[in-house]
Amino acid sequence: MAITRAATAIRTGRSLVTEADFATLAAFCADEYGMDRGLADRVVDQALALAHVMGVTGEGARMAPSRQVDPGWHTLILHTGWYAAWCEEQFGRFLHHEPNSKVRTRGLMSDVVSRIRAAGFEVDERLWGTPAECNAPACCGDGPCC
């Protein structure tokens, strides 16, 4: 007897919002943080996936964005009305910002990445380095200084 597995679709953070909302968020991120639009798209995608995992698991205080994903997380939060409604729709509650930026260790980033991946999201590995490995704004192989 052959065993077959159903293909598991990999989700993106982008799929959690409308195309119009994603475009607004990514354009803001690009402008506010001086990124090209392609990088901003990637950053916002990963921030949405992170926020979703934080909200669903209730483990937000134990998670942190990488230095490269942090502008995307702030982009979500700075759109307060939209963000509050999105949180309510996704989690039934508001997901507060609980800064954890001083502990961006390799271990923490690996744990965050594994949680995002376990939730079925695509992970952009180049955006999840630790501060010791990368320089701002995104020098993990895709920035101009690398």
N, C-alpha and C. Protein backbone atom coordinates (compact mmCIF):
# COMPACT_ATOMS: atom_id res chain seq x y z
N MET A 1 0.84 -1.18 0.00
CA MET A 1 0.00 0.00 0.00
C MET A 1 0.89 1.24 0.00
N ALA A 2 0.67 2.11 -0.93
CA ALA A 2 1.46 3.34 -1.01
C ALA A 2 0.86 4.39 -0.09
N ILE A 3 1.75 5.12 0.54
CA ILE A 3 1.32 6.22 1.41
C ILE A 3 1.54 7.51 0.64
N THR A 4 0.51 8.30 0.57
CA THR A 4 0.64 9.59 -0.11
C THR A 4 0.46 10.69 0.90
N ARG A 5 1.17 11.76 0.67
CA ARG A 5 1.05 12.94 1.54
C ARG A 5 0.41 14.06 0.76
N ALA A 6 -0.48 14.74 1.42
CA ALA A 6 -1.08 15.91 0.79
C ALA A 6 -0.03 17.02 0.76
N ALA A 7 0.05 17.70 -0.34
CA ALA A 7 0.99 18.82 -0.43
C ALA A 7 0.55 19.92 0.53
N THR A 8 1.48 20.39 1.30
CA THR A 8 1.20 21.46 2.23
C THR A 8 1.61 22.78 1.59
N ALA A 9 0.67 23.66 1.47
CA ALA A 9 0.96 24.95 0.87
C ALA A 9 1.74 25.81 1.85
N ILE A 10 2.77 26.42 1.37
CA ILE A 10 3.55 27.35 2.18
C ILE A 10 2.85 28.70 2.09
N ARG A 11 2.60 29.29 3.25
CA ARG A 11 1.95 30.59 3.29
C ARG A 11 2.98 31.70 3.27
N THR A 12 2.54 32.88 2.94
CA THR A 12 3.36 34.07 3.03
C THR A 12 2.67 35.04 3.99
N GLY A 13 3.44 35.92 4.59
CA GLY A 13 2.84 36.96 5.42
C GLY A 13 1.93 37.83 4.58
N ARG A 14 2.36 38.06 3.37
CA ARG A 14 1.59 38.89 2.45
C ARG A 14 0.17 38.37 2.25
N SER A 15 0.00 37.06 2.32
CA SER A 15 -1.33 36.46 2.10
C SER A 15 -2.31 36.77 3.23
N LEU A 16 -1.83 37.34 4.32
CA LEU A 16 -2.69 37.65 5.47
C LEU A 16 -3.43 38.97 5.34
N VAL A 17 -3.10 39.72 4.30
CA VAL A 17 -3.70 41.04 4.11
C VAL A 17 -4.12 41.20 2.65
N THR A 18 -4.91 42.21 2.38
CA THR A 18 -5.29 42.48 0.99
C THR A 18 -4.08 43.02 0.23
N GLU A 19 -4.13 42.90 -1.08
CA GLU A 19 -3.04 43.45 -1.90
C GLU A 19 -2.92 44.96 -1.70
N ALA A 20 -4.05 45.65 -1.57
CA ALA A 20 -4.02 47.10 -1.37
C ALA A 20 -3.35 47.44 -0.04
N ASP A 21 -3.70 46.71 1.02
CA ASP A 21 -3.07 46.97 2.32
C ASP A 21 -1.58 46.66 2.27
N PHE A 22 -1.22 45.56 1.62
CA PHE A 22 0.19 45.22 1.52
C PHE A 22 0.96 46.31 0.78
N ALA A 23 0.39 46.79 -0.31
CA ALA A 23 1.04 47.84 -1.09
C ALA A 23 1.25 49.10 -0.26
N THR A 24 0.24 49.47 0.52
CA THR A 24 0.34 50.64 1.39
C THR A 24 1.44 50.45 2.42
N LEU A 25 1.46 49.30 3.08
CA LEU A 25 2.45 49.02 4.11
C LEU A 25 3.87 48.98 3.53
N ALA A 26 4.04 48.29 2.42
CA ALA A 26 5.37 48.17 1.82
C ALA A 26 5.87 49.52 1.31
N ALA A 27 5.00 50.32 0.72
CA ALA A 27 5.41 51.65 0.24
C ALA A 27 5.84 52.52 1.41
N PHE A 28 5.10 52.47 2.51
CA PHE A 28 5.47 53.23 3.71
C PHE A 28 6.82 52.76 4.23
N CYS A 29 7.01 51.46 4.34
CA CYS A 29 8.26 50.90 4.85
C CYS A 29 9.43 51.33 3.99
N ALA A 30 9.27 51.28 2.69
CA ALA A 30 10.34 51.69 1.77
C ALA A 30 10.68 53.15 1.98
N ASP A 31 9.67 54.00 2.04
CA ASP A 31 9.89 55.44 2.19
C ASP A 31 10.45 55.79 3.57
N GLU A 32 9.85 55.25 4.60
CA GLU A 32 10.22 55.60 5.99
C GLU A 32 11.61 55.10 6.36
N TYR A 33 12.00 53.95 5.83
CA TYR A 33 13.27 53.35 6.24
C TYR A 33 14.31 53.34 5.12
N GLY A 34 14.05 54.06 4.04
CA GLY A 34 15.03 54.21 2.97
C GLY A 34 15.40 52.92 2.27
N MET A 35 14.43 52.06 2.04
CA MET A 35 14.66 50.78 1.36
C MET A 35 14.14 50.85 -0.06
N ASP A 36 14.72 50.01 -0.93
CA ASP A 36 14.09 49.87 -2.23
C ASP A 36 12.82 49.05 -2.02
N ARG A 37 11.90 49.17 -2.95
CA ARG A 37 10.58 48.57 -2.77
C ARG A 37 10.64 47.04 -2.70
N GLY A 38 11.54 46.43 -3.43
CA GLY A 38 11.66 44.97 -3.38
C GLY A 38 12.05 44.49 -1.99
N LEU A 39 12.99 45.16 -1.36
CA LEU A 39 13.39 44.79 0.00
C LEU A 39 12.26 45.07 0.97
N ALA A 40 11.58 46.20 0.81
CA ALA A 40 10.46 46.53 1.70
C ALA A 40 9.36 45.47 1.59
N ASP A 41 9.09 44.99 0.41
CA ASP A 41 8.09 43.91 0.24
C ASP A 41 8.49 42.69 1.07
N ARG A 42 9.75 42.30 1.00
CA ARG A 42 10.23 41.14 1.74
C ARG A 42 10.15 41.37 3.25
N VAL A 43 10.52 42.56 3.68
CA VAL A 43 10.52 42.89 5.11
C VAL A 43 9.11 42.88 5.67
N VAL A 44 8.18 43.51 4.99
CA VAL A 44 6.79 43.54 5.45
C VAL A 44 6.18 42.14 5.43
N ASP A 45 6.50 41.36 4.42
CA ASP A 45 6.02 39.97 4.37
C ASP A 45 6.45 39.21 5.63
N GLN A 46 7.72 39.32 5.98
CA GLN A 46 8.24 38.60 7.15
C GLN A 46 7.67 39.16 8.45
N ALA A 47 7.46 40.48 8.51
CA ALA A 47 6.89 41.09 9.71
C ALA A 47 5.45 40.61 9.92
N LEU A 48 4.69 40.49 8.85
CA LEU A 48 3.32 39.98 8.97
C LEU A 48 3.32 38.53 9.46
N ALA A 49 4.20 37.71 8.92
CA ALA A 49 4.29 36.32 9.37
C ALA A 49 4.67 36.26 10.84
N LEU A 50 5.65 37.06 11.24
CA LEU A 50 6.08 37.12 12.64
C LEU A 50 4.93 37.54 13.54
N ALA A 51 4.28 38.63 13.19
CA ALA A 51 3.17 39.13 14.02
C ALA A 51 2.07 38.08 14.13
N HIS A 52 1.79 37.38 13.06
CA HIS A 52 0.76 36.35 13.09
C HIS A 52 1.14 35.23 14.07
N VAL A 53 2.37 34.78 13.99
CA VAL A 53 2.82 33.71 14.90
C VAL A 53 2.81 34.21 16.34
N MET A 54 3.24 35.44 16.56
CA MET A 54 3.22 36.01 17.91
C MET A 54 1.79 36.05 18.46
N GLY A 55 0.86 36.49 17.62
CA GLY A 55 -0.53 36.60 18.05
C GLY A 55 -1.21 35.28 18.28
N VAL A 56 -0.97 34.33 17.40
CA VAL A 56 -1.61 33.02 17.50
C VAL A 56 -1.07 32.23 18.69
N THR A 57 0.24 32.31 18.92
CA THR A 57 0.85 31.53 20.00
C THR A 57 0.77 32.21 21.35
N GLY A 58 0.57 33.53 21.38
CA GLY A 58 0.59 34.26 22.64
C GLY A 58 2.00 34.37 23.21
N GLU A 59 3.00 34.12 22.39
CA GLU A 59 4.39 34.12 22.83
C GLU A 59 5.15 35.37 22.38
N GLY A 60 4.45 36.45 22.12
CA GLY A 60 5.09 37.66 21.62
C GLY A 60 6.20 38.18 22.50
N ALA A 61 6.07 38.06 23.81
CA ALA A 61 7.11 38.57 24.71
C ALA A 61 8.39 37.74 24.63
N ARG A 62 8.29 36.54 24.06
CA ARG A 62 9.46 35.66 23.93
C ARG A 62 10.05 35.68 22.54
N MET A 63 9.50 36.51 21.68
CA MET A 63 9.96 36.56 20.30
C MET A 63 10.42 37.97 19.97
N ALA A 64 11.23 38.10 18.96
CA ALA A 64 11.70 39.41 18.51
C ALA A 64 11.98 39.34 17.02
N PRO A 65 11.77 40.46 16.34
CA PRO A 65 12.15 40.48 14.92
C PRO A 65 13.67 40.65 14.82
N SER A 66 14.22 40.22 13.71
CA SER A 66 15.62 40.50 13.45
C SER A 66 15.77 42.00 13.21
N ARG A 67 16.98 42.46 13.19
CA ARG A 67 17.22 43.88 12.89
C ARG A 67 16.65 44.23 11.52
N GLN A 68 16.71 43.29 10.58
CA GLN A 68 16.23 43.56 9.23
C GLN A 68 14.71 43.55 9.14
N VAL A 69 14.04 42.76 9.98
CA VAL A 69 12.57 42.67 9.94
C VAL A 69 11.92 43.73 10.82
N ASP A 70 12.66 44.29 11.76
CA ASP A 70 12.12 45.27 12.70
C ASP A 70 11.42 46.46 12.02
N PRO A 71 11.96 47.03 10.94
CA PRO A 71 11.23 48.12 10.28
C PRO A 71 9.84 47.70 9.79
N GLY A 72 9.69 46.46 9.39
CA GLY A 72 8.38 45.96 8.97
C GLY A 72 7.42 45.88 10.14
N TRP A 73 7.91 45.41 11.28
CA TRP A 73 7.10 45.32 12.50
C TRP A 73 6.65 46.72 12.90
N HIS A 74 7.56 47.69 12.84
CA HIS A 74 7.19 49.06 13.19
C HIS A 74 6.22 49.65 12.16
N THR A 75 6.36 49.27 10.92
CA THR A 75 5.42 49.73 9.89
C THR A 75 4.00 49.28 10.24
N LEU A 76 3.84 48.04 10.66
CA LEU A 76 2.51 47.56 11.04
C LEU A 76 1.96 48.40 12.19
N ILE A 77 2.75 48.56 13.21
CA ILE A 77 2.31 49.25 14.42
C ILE A 77 2.00 50.72 14.17
N LEU A 78 2.77 51.35 13.28
CA LEU A 78 2.55 52.77 13.00
C LEU A 78 1.25 53.04 12.24
N HIS A 79 0.68 52.01 11.66
CA HIS A 79 -0.64 52.12 11.02
C HIS A 79 -1.68 51.65 12.04
N THR A 80 -1.79 52.39 13.13
CA THR A 80 -2.50 51.94 14.34
C THR A 80 -3.94 51.51 14.10
N GLY A 81 -4.71 52.29 13.37
CA GLY A 81 -6.10 51.92 13.14
C GLY A 81 -6.20 50.62 12.36
N TRP A 82 -5.45 50.55 11.28
CA TRP A 82 -5.43 49.33 10.46
C TRP A 82 -4.92 48.16 11.29
N TYR A 83 -3.83 48.37 12.02
CA TYR A 83 -3.20 47.31 12.81
C TYR A 83 -4.15 46.78 13.89
N ALA A 84 -4.84 47.68 14.59
CA ALA A 84 -5.79 47.25 15.64
C ALA A 84 -6.90 46.38 15.03
N ALA A 85 -7.43 46.80 13.89
CA ALA A 85 -8.50 46.02 13.23
C ALA A 85 -7.96 44.68 12.74
N TRP A 86 -6.76 44.67 12.20
CA TRP A 86 -6.15 43.42 11.72
C TRP A 86 -5.93 42.45 12.88
N CYS A 87 -5.41 42.96 13.98
CA CYS A 87 -5.20 42.10 15.17
C CYS A 87 -6.52 41.51 15.65
N GLU A 88 -7.53 42.32 15.71
CA GLU A 88 -8.85 41.84 16.16
C GLU A 88 -9.36 40.74 15.23
N GLU A 89 -9.19 40.94 13.94
CA GLU A 89 -9.63 39.95 12.95
C GLU A 89 -8.81 38.66 13.06
N GLN A 90 -7.51 38.79 13.23
CA GLN A 90 -6.62 37.62 13.25
C GLN A 90 -6.64 36.86 14.57
N PHE A 91 -6.64 37.61 15.71
CA PHE A 91 -6.43 37.00 17.02
C PHE A 91 -7.54 37.25 18.03
N GLY A 92 -8.46 38.15 17.69
CA GLY A 92 -9.52 38.49 18.62
C GLY A 92 -9.07 39.41 19.74
N ARG A 93 -7.91 39.99 19.57
CA ARG A 93 -7.35 40.91 20.58
C ARG A 93 -6.24 41.72 19.93
N PHE A 94 -5.84 42.77 20.63
CA PHE A 94 -4.75 43.62 20.15
C PHE A 94 -3.41 43.00 20.55
N LEU A 95 -2.50 42.92 19.61
CA LEU A 95 -1.17 42.40 19.88
C LEU A 95 -0.25 43.58 20.15
N HIS A 96 0.12 43.74 21.41
CA HIS A 96 0.95 44.87 21.81
C HIS A 96 2.40 44.69 21.39
N HIS A 97 3.06 45.81 21.18
CA HIS A 97 4.49 45.82 20.89
C HIS A 97 5.22 45.67 22.22
N GLU A 98 5.99 44.63 22.34
CA GLU A 98 6.77 44.39 23.55
C GLU A 98 8.23 44.29 23.13
N PRO A 99 8.94 45.44 23.12
CA PRO A 99 10.30 45.45 22.59
C PRO A 99 11.19 44.40 23.25
N ASN A 100 11.91 43.71 22.41
CA ASN A 100 12.81 42.66 22.85
C ASN A 100 14.09 42.74 22.03
N SER A 101 14.44 43.96 21.57
CA SER A 101 15.52 44.12 20.61
C SER A 101 16.92 43.93 21.18
N LYS A 102 17.08 43.95 22.47
CA LYS A 102 18.41 43.80 23.06
C LYS A 102 18.87 42.36 23.12
N VAL A 103 17.98 41.43 22.82
CA VAL A 103 18.34 40.01 22.93
C VAL A 103 18.24 39.29 21.59
N ARG A 104 18.65 39.94 20.53
CA ARG A 104 18.62 39.31 19.21
C ARG A 104 19.82 38.40 19.06
N THR A 105 19.78 37.30 19.73
CA THR A 105 20.87 36.34 19.64
C THR A 105 20.62 35.36 18.51
N ARG A 106 21.67 34.67 18.12
CA ARG A 106 21.52 33.64 17.08
C ARG A 106 20.48 32.61 17.51
N GLY A 107 20.52 32.20 18.78
CA GLY A 107 19.56 31.23 19.28
C GLY A 107 18.13 31.72 19.21
N LEU A 108 17.91 32.97 19.61
CA LEU A 108 16.55 33.52 19.55
C LEU A 108 16.08 33.62 18.11
N MET A 109 16.93 34.11 17.23
CA MET A 109 16.53 34.24 15.83
C MET A 109 16.24 32.86 15.23
N SER A 110 17.03 31.86 15.57
CA SER A 110 16.77 30.50 15.08
C SER A 110 15.43 29.99 15.59
N ASP A 111 15.13 30.28 16.87
CA ASP A 111 13.86 29.85 17.45
C ASP A 111 12.69 30.56 16.77
N VAL A 112 12.82 31.86 16.54
CA VAL A 112 11.75 32.62 15.88
C VAL A 112 11.54 32.07 14.47
N VAL A 113 12.61 31.87 13.74
CA VAL A 113 12.51 31.34 12.38
C VAL A 113 11.84 29.97 12.39
N SER A 114 12.22 29.12 13.31
CA SER A 114 11.61 27.78 13.35
C SER A 114 10.13 27.86 13.70
N ARG A 115 9.74 28.80 14.53
CA ARG A 115 8.31 28.97 14.86
C ARG A 115 7.52 29.47 13.65
N ILE A 116 8.11 30.40 12.91
CA ILE A 116 7.44 30.92 11.72
C ILE A 116 7.29 29.81 10.69
N ARG A 117 8.36 29.06 10.49
CA ARG A 117 8.33 27.95 9.54
C ARG A 117 7.33 26.88 9.98
N ALA A 118 7.30 26.56 11.27
CA ALA A 118 6.38 25.54 11.79
C ALA A 118 4.92 25.96 11.60
N ALA A 119 4.68 27.26 11.56
CA ALA A 119 3.32 27.76 11.33
C ALA A 119 2.95 27.73 9.85
N GLY A 120 3.87 27.27 9.02
CA GLY A 120 3.58 27.11 7.60
C GLY A 120 3.95 28.28 6.72
N PHE A 121 4.72 29.22 7.27
CA PHE A 121 5.09 30.40 6.49
C PHE A 121 6.44 30.22 5.82
N GLU A 122 6.56 30.82 4.67
CA GLU A 122 7.83 30.90 3.97
C GLU A 122 8.75 31.82 4.77
N VAL A 123 10.00 31.43 4.92
CA VAL A 123 10.98 32.23 5.67
C VAL A 123 12.03 32.75 4.70
N ASP A 124 12.26 34.05 4.74
CA ASP A 124 13.31 34.68 3.95
C ASP A 124 14.57 34.70 4.82
N GLU A 125 15.37 33.67 4.71
CA GLU A 125 16.53 33.47 5.58
C GLU A 125 17.47 34.67 5.61
N ARG A 126 17.59 35.37 4.50
CA ARG A 126 18.53 36.50 4.43
C ARG A 126 18.14 37.64 5.35
N LEU A 127 16.88 37.66 5.80
CA LEU A 127 16.43 38.74 6.68
C LEU A 127 16.50 38.39 8.16
N TRP A 128 16.96 37.20 8.50
CA TRP A 128 16.91 36.75 9.89
C TRP A 128 18.28 36.58 10.55
N GLY A 129 19.32 37.28 10.08
CA GLY A 129 20.61 37.25 10.75
C GLY A 129 20.54 37.99 12.08
N THR A 130 21.54 37.83 12.90
CA THR A 130 21.59 38.55 14.18
C THR A 130 22.40 39.83 14.00
N PRO A 131 22.31 40.80 14.92
CA PRO A 131 23.03 42.05 14.78
C PRO A 131 24.54 41.85 14.65
N ALA A 132 25.06 40.82 15.28
CA ALA A 132 26.50 40.59 15.21
C ALA A 132 26.93 40.15 13.81
N GLU A 133 25.99 39.61 13.04
CA GLU A 133 26.32 39.10 11.72
C GLU A 133 26.05 40.10 10.60
N CYS A 134 25.19 41.08 10.87
CA CYS A 134 24.75 41.97 9.81
C CYS A 134 24.83 43.42 10.26
N ASN A 135 24.92 44.29 9.32
CA ASN A 135 24.91 45.72 9.60
C ASN A 135 23.65 46.32 9.01
N ALA A 136 23.16 47.34 9.69
CA ALA A 136 21.95 48.01 9.20
C ALA A 136 22.23 48.67 7.86
N PRO A 137 21.26 48.83 6.96
CA PRO A 137 19.90 48.43 7.19
C PRO A 137 19.64 46.96 6.87
N ALA A 138 20.33 46.40 5.91
CA ALA A 138 20.09 44.99 5.61
C ALA A 138 21.31 44.42 4.89
N CYS A 139 22.36 44.25 5.60
CA CYS A 139 23.61 43.80 4.98
C CYS A 139 23.86 42.32 5.21
N CYS A 140 22.94 41.53 4.81
CA CYS A 140 23.10 40.08 4.92
C CYS A 140 23.15 39.47 3.53
N GLY A 141 23.82 40.16 2.63
CA GLY A 141 23.96 39.64 1.29
C GLY A 141 23.14 40.35 0.24
N ASP A 142 22.27 41.27 0.66
CA ASP A 142 21.46 41.95 -0.32
C ASP A 142 21.52 43.46 -0.20
N GLY A 143 22.36 43.97 0.68
CA GLY A 143 22.51 45.42 0.81
C GLY A 143 23.72 45.90 0.02
N PRO A 144 23.82 47.21 -0.21
CA PRO A 144 24.90 47.76 -1.03
C PRO A 144 26.28 47.66 -0.36
N CYS A 145 26.33 47.47 0.93
CA CYS A 145 27.63 47.43 1.62
C CYS A 145 28.20 46.02 1.74
N CYS A 146 27.51 45.05 1.18
CA CYS A 146 27.97 43.68 1.33
C CYS A 146 28.81 43.21 0.16
